[in-house]
Amino acid sequence: MQRDTFRRFNPVGHFQTATQMQGPYHPHGTDRMNAILATNHAPYGTVGYGVNAAITGIFTGAHTAGQTHIGTVFGAPNTQHLLQQPNTWANNRAVAQVEHAYWRGVRDNPNERFGNRFAATFATMFTPGMRAGIQMTFGEARRVWNNH
């Protein structure tokens, strides 16, 4: 009985089903799910492939806590361009710098909600170099998981 309950509670599986059903991406949302959707179609071998896996991992663990408007970062035309670049350290770091700058702005904004500033303080502890490594590691894990 407990095993069947666990099978029904499968946020990663439900997320994967939802994103597979999604069509072409049209940036419009601002939440973490929108960040996932903004990176969902990046193919293996691109920066976005690992970024998508990293954001999905954050979503699985934190859901919407501290998400602020992170979807705007990944839906932005400049970031969309960076996400399609080859999966190199320099390209991953470029995306990580954009995201890190965003979180610094949230952290330093006195008009932002306390919870968002708190989450941004945590997020800025991960330097662009650390983020690049995390993205690349998550991308490799995703590749193995998907048997690429």
Protein backbone atom coordinates (compact mmCIF):
# COMPACT_ATOMS: atom_id res chain seq x y z
CA MET A 1 0.00 0.00 0.00
CA GLN A 2 2.73 2.46 0.94
CA ARG A 3 4.61 1.65 -2.27
CA ASP A 4 1.57 2.62 -4.39
CA THR A 5 1.29 5.92 -2.51
CA PHE A 6 4.93 6.68 -3.31
CA ARG A 7 4.35 5.97 -7.00
CA ARG A 8 1.51 8.49 -7.10
CA PHE A 9 3.66 11.14 -5.42
CA ASN A 10 6.21 11.64 -8.17
CA PRO A 11 6.88 15.35 -8.70
CA VAL A 12 9.80 14.70 -11.05
CA GLY A 13 7.74 12.31 -13.17
CA HIS A 14 4.81 14.73 -13.28
CA PHE A 15 7.17 17.55 -14.21
CA GLN A 16 8.75 15.49 -17.00
CA THR A 17 5.32 14.63 -18.38
CA ALA A 18 4.29 18.28 -18.30
CA THR A 19 7.44 19.51 -20.03
CA GLN A 20 7.31 16.81 -22.69
CA MET A 21 3.78 17.96 -23.55
CA GLN A 22 4.86 21.58 -23.75
CA GLY A 23 5.26 23.04 -27.22
CA PRO A 24 7.63 25.76 -28.38
CA TYR A 25 8.67 28.13 -25.62
CA HIS A 26 7.27 31.64 -25.58
CA PRO A 27 8.75 33.58 -22.62
CA HIS A 28 6.06 35.14 -20.49
CA GLY A 29 6.18 33.84 -16.91
CA THR A 30 8.45 34.83 -14.07
CA ASP A 31 8.50 31.86 -11.68
CA ARG A 32 10.88 28.90 -11.33
CA MET A 33 8.68 26.67 -13.48
CA ASN A 34 9.01 29.25 -16.24
CA ALA A 35 12.80 29.06 -15.82
CA ILE A 36 12.54 25.31 -16.32
CA LEU A 37 10.37 25.74 -19.39
CA ALA A 38 12.76 28.38 -20.76
CA THR A 39 15.59 25.82 -20.65
CA ASN A 40 13.62 22.66 -21.38
CA HIS A 41 14.25 22.51 -25.12
CA ALA A 42 18.02 22.98 -24.96
CA PRO A 43 19.52 19.89 -26.57
CA TYR A 44 22.35 17.78 -25.19
CA GLY A 45 25.68 19.47 -25.85
CA THR A 46 24.42 22.96 -25.05
CA VAL A 47 24.71 25.00 -21.87
CA GLY A 48 20.93 24.97 -21.45
CA TYR A 49 20.84 21.19 -21.14
CA GLY A 50 22.75 21.29 -17.84
CA VAL A 51 21.08 24.49 -16.68
CA ASN A 52 17.69 22.83 -17.13
CA ALA A 53 18.78 19.87 -15.02
CA ALA A 54 20.10 22.18 -12.28
CA ILE A 55 16.92 24.27 -12.16
CA THR A 56 14.81 21.11 -12.13
CA GLY A 57 16.85 19.89 -9.16
CA ILE A 58 16.23 23.15 -7.32
CA PHE A 59 12.52 22.97 -8.16
CA THR A 60 12.34 19.39 -6.90
CA GLY A 61 13.92 20.37 -3.61
CA ALA A 62 12.63 23.88 -3.00
CA HIS A 63 9.57 24.02 -5.28
CA THR A 64 8.61 27.71 -5.34
CA ALA A 65 10.42 28.89 -2.19
CA GLY A 66 12.57 31.93 -2.90
CA GLN A 67 11.94 31.85 -6.62
CA THR A 68 11.29 35.60 -6.88
CA HIS A 69 11.16 36.29 -10.65
CA ILE A 70 13.92 33.93 -11.80
CA GLY A 71 11.91 32.96 -14.89
CA THR A 72 12.58 36.41 -16.35
CA VAL A 73 16.32 35.71 -16.27
CA PHE A 74 16.11 32.52 -18.29
CA GLY A 75 13.39 33.81 -20.62
CA ALA A 76 15.40 36.91 -21.58
CA PRO A 77 16.61 36.92 -25.21
CA ASN A 78 20.28 37.31 -24.21
CA THR A 79 20.08 34.35 -21.82
CA GLN A 80 18.20 32.28 -24.39
CA HIS A 81 21.09 32.90 -26.79
CA LEU A 82 23.66 31.88 -24.17
CA LEU A 83 21.74 28.71 -23.33
CA GLN A 84 22.07 27.49 -26.93
CA GLN A 85 25.87 27.79 -26.93
CA PRO A 86 28.15 24.73 -26.78
CA ASN A 87 28.61 23.19 -23.35
CA THR A 88 31.97 24.68 -22.42
CA TRP A 89 33.21 26.04 -19.10
CA ALA A 90 33.32 29.59 -20.45
CA ASN A 91 29.79 29.42 -21.83
CA ASN A 92 28.42 27.91 -18.61
CA ARG A 93 30.17 30.63 -16.62
CA ALA A 94 28.59 33.31 -18.83
CA VAL A 95 25.09 32.06 -17.96
CA ALA A 96 26.10 31.68 -14.30
CA GLN A 97 27.28 35.30 -14.23
CA VAL A 98 23.89 36.49 -15.52
CA GLU A 99 22.05 34.50 -12.86
CA HIS A 100 24.45 35.53 -10.09
CA ALA A 101 24.02 39.21 -10.99
CA TYR A 102 20.25 38.75 -10.83
CA TRP A 103 20.41 37.23 -7.34
CA ARG A 104 22.76 39.99 -6.14
CA GLY A 105 20.17 42.51 -7.29
CA VAL A 106 17.42 40.74 -5.35
CA ARG A 107 19.61 40.43 -2.26
CA ASP A 108 20.55 44.12 -2.32
CA ASN A 109 17.05 45.45 -3.05
CA PRO A 110 15.62 46.90 0.19
CA ASN A 111 12.11 46.82 -1.34
CA GLU A 112 12.22 43.05 -1.93
CA ARG A 113 10.40 40.72 0.48
CA PHE A 114 12.51 39.35 3.33
CA GLY A 115 12.05 35.74 2.20
CA ASN A 116 13.26 36.56 -1.30
CA ARG A 117 16.25 38.50 0.04
CA PHE A 118 17.08 35.59 2.32
CA ALA A 119 16.93 33.12 -0.58
CA ALA A 120 19.01 35.47 -2.72
CA THR A 121 21.63 35.69 0.02
CA PHE A 122 21.90 31.91 -0.10
CA ALA A 123 21.94 31.91 -3.92
CA THR A 124 24.78 34.44 -4.08
CA MET A 125 26.98 32.17 -1.96
CA PHE A 126 27.39 30.11 -5.14
CA THR A 127 29.90 32.02 -7.27
CA PRO A 128 29.63 32.01 -11.07
CA GLY A 129 32.48 29.49 -11.18
CA MET A 130 30.72 27.20 -8.71
CA ARG A 131 27.48 27.56 -10.64
CA ALA A 132 29.20 26.66 -13.92
CA GLY A 133 30.54 23.47 -12.34
CA ILE A 134 27.14 22.61 -10.89
CA GLN A 135 25.43 23.16 -14.26
CA MET A 136 27.95 20.97 -16.04
CA THR A 137 27.66 18.24 -13.38
CA PHE A 138 23.86 18.27 -13.52
CA GLY A 139 24.03 18.15 -17.32
CA GLU A 140 26.24 15.07 -17.19
CA ALA A 141 23.90 13.43 -14.67
CA ARG A 142 20.95 14.21 -16.94
CA ARG A 143 22.83 12.73 -19.92
CA VAL A 144 23.49 9.50 -18.01
CA TRP A 145 19.91 9.39 -16.73
CA ASN A 146 18.55 9.82 -20.27
CA ASN A 147 21.08 7.41 -21.83
CA HIS A 148 22.50 9.92 -24.34
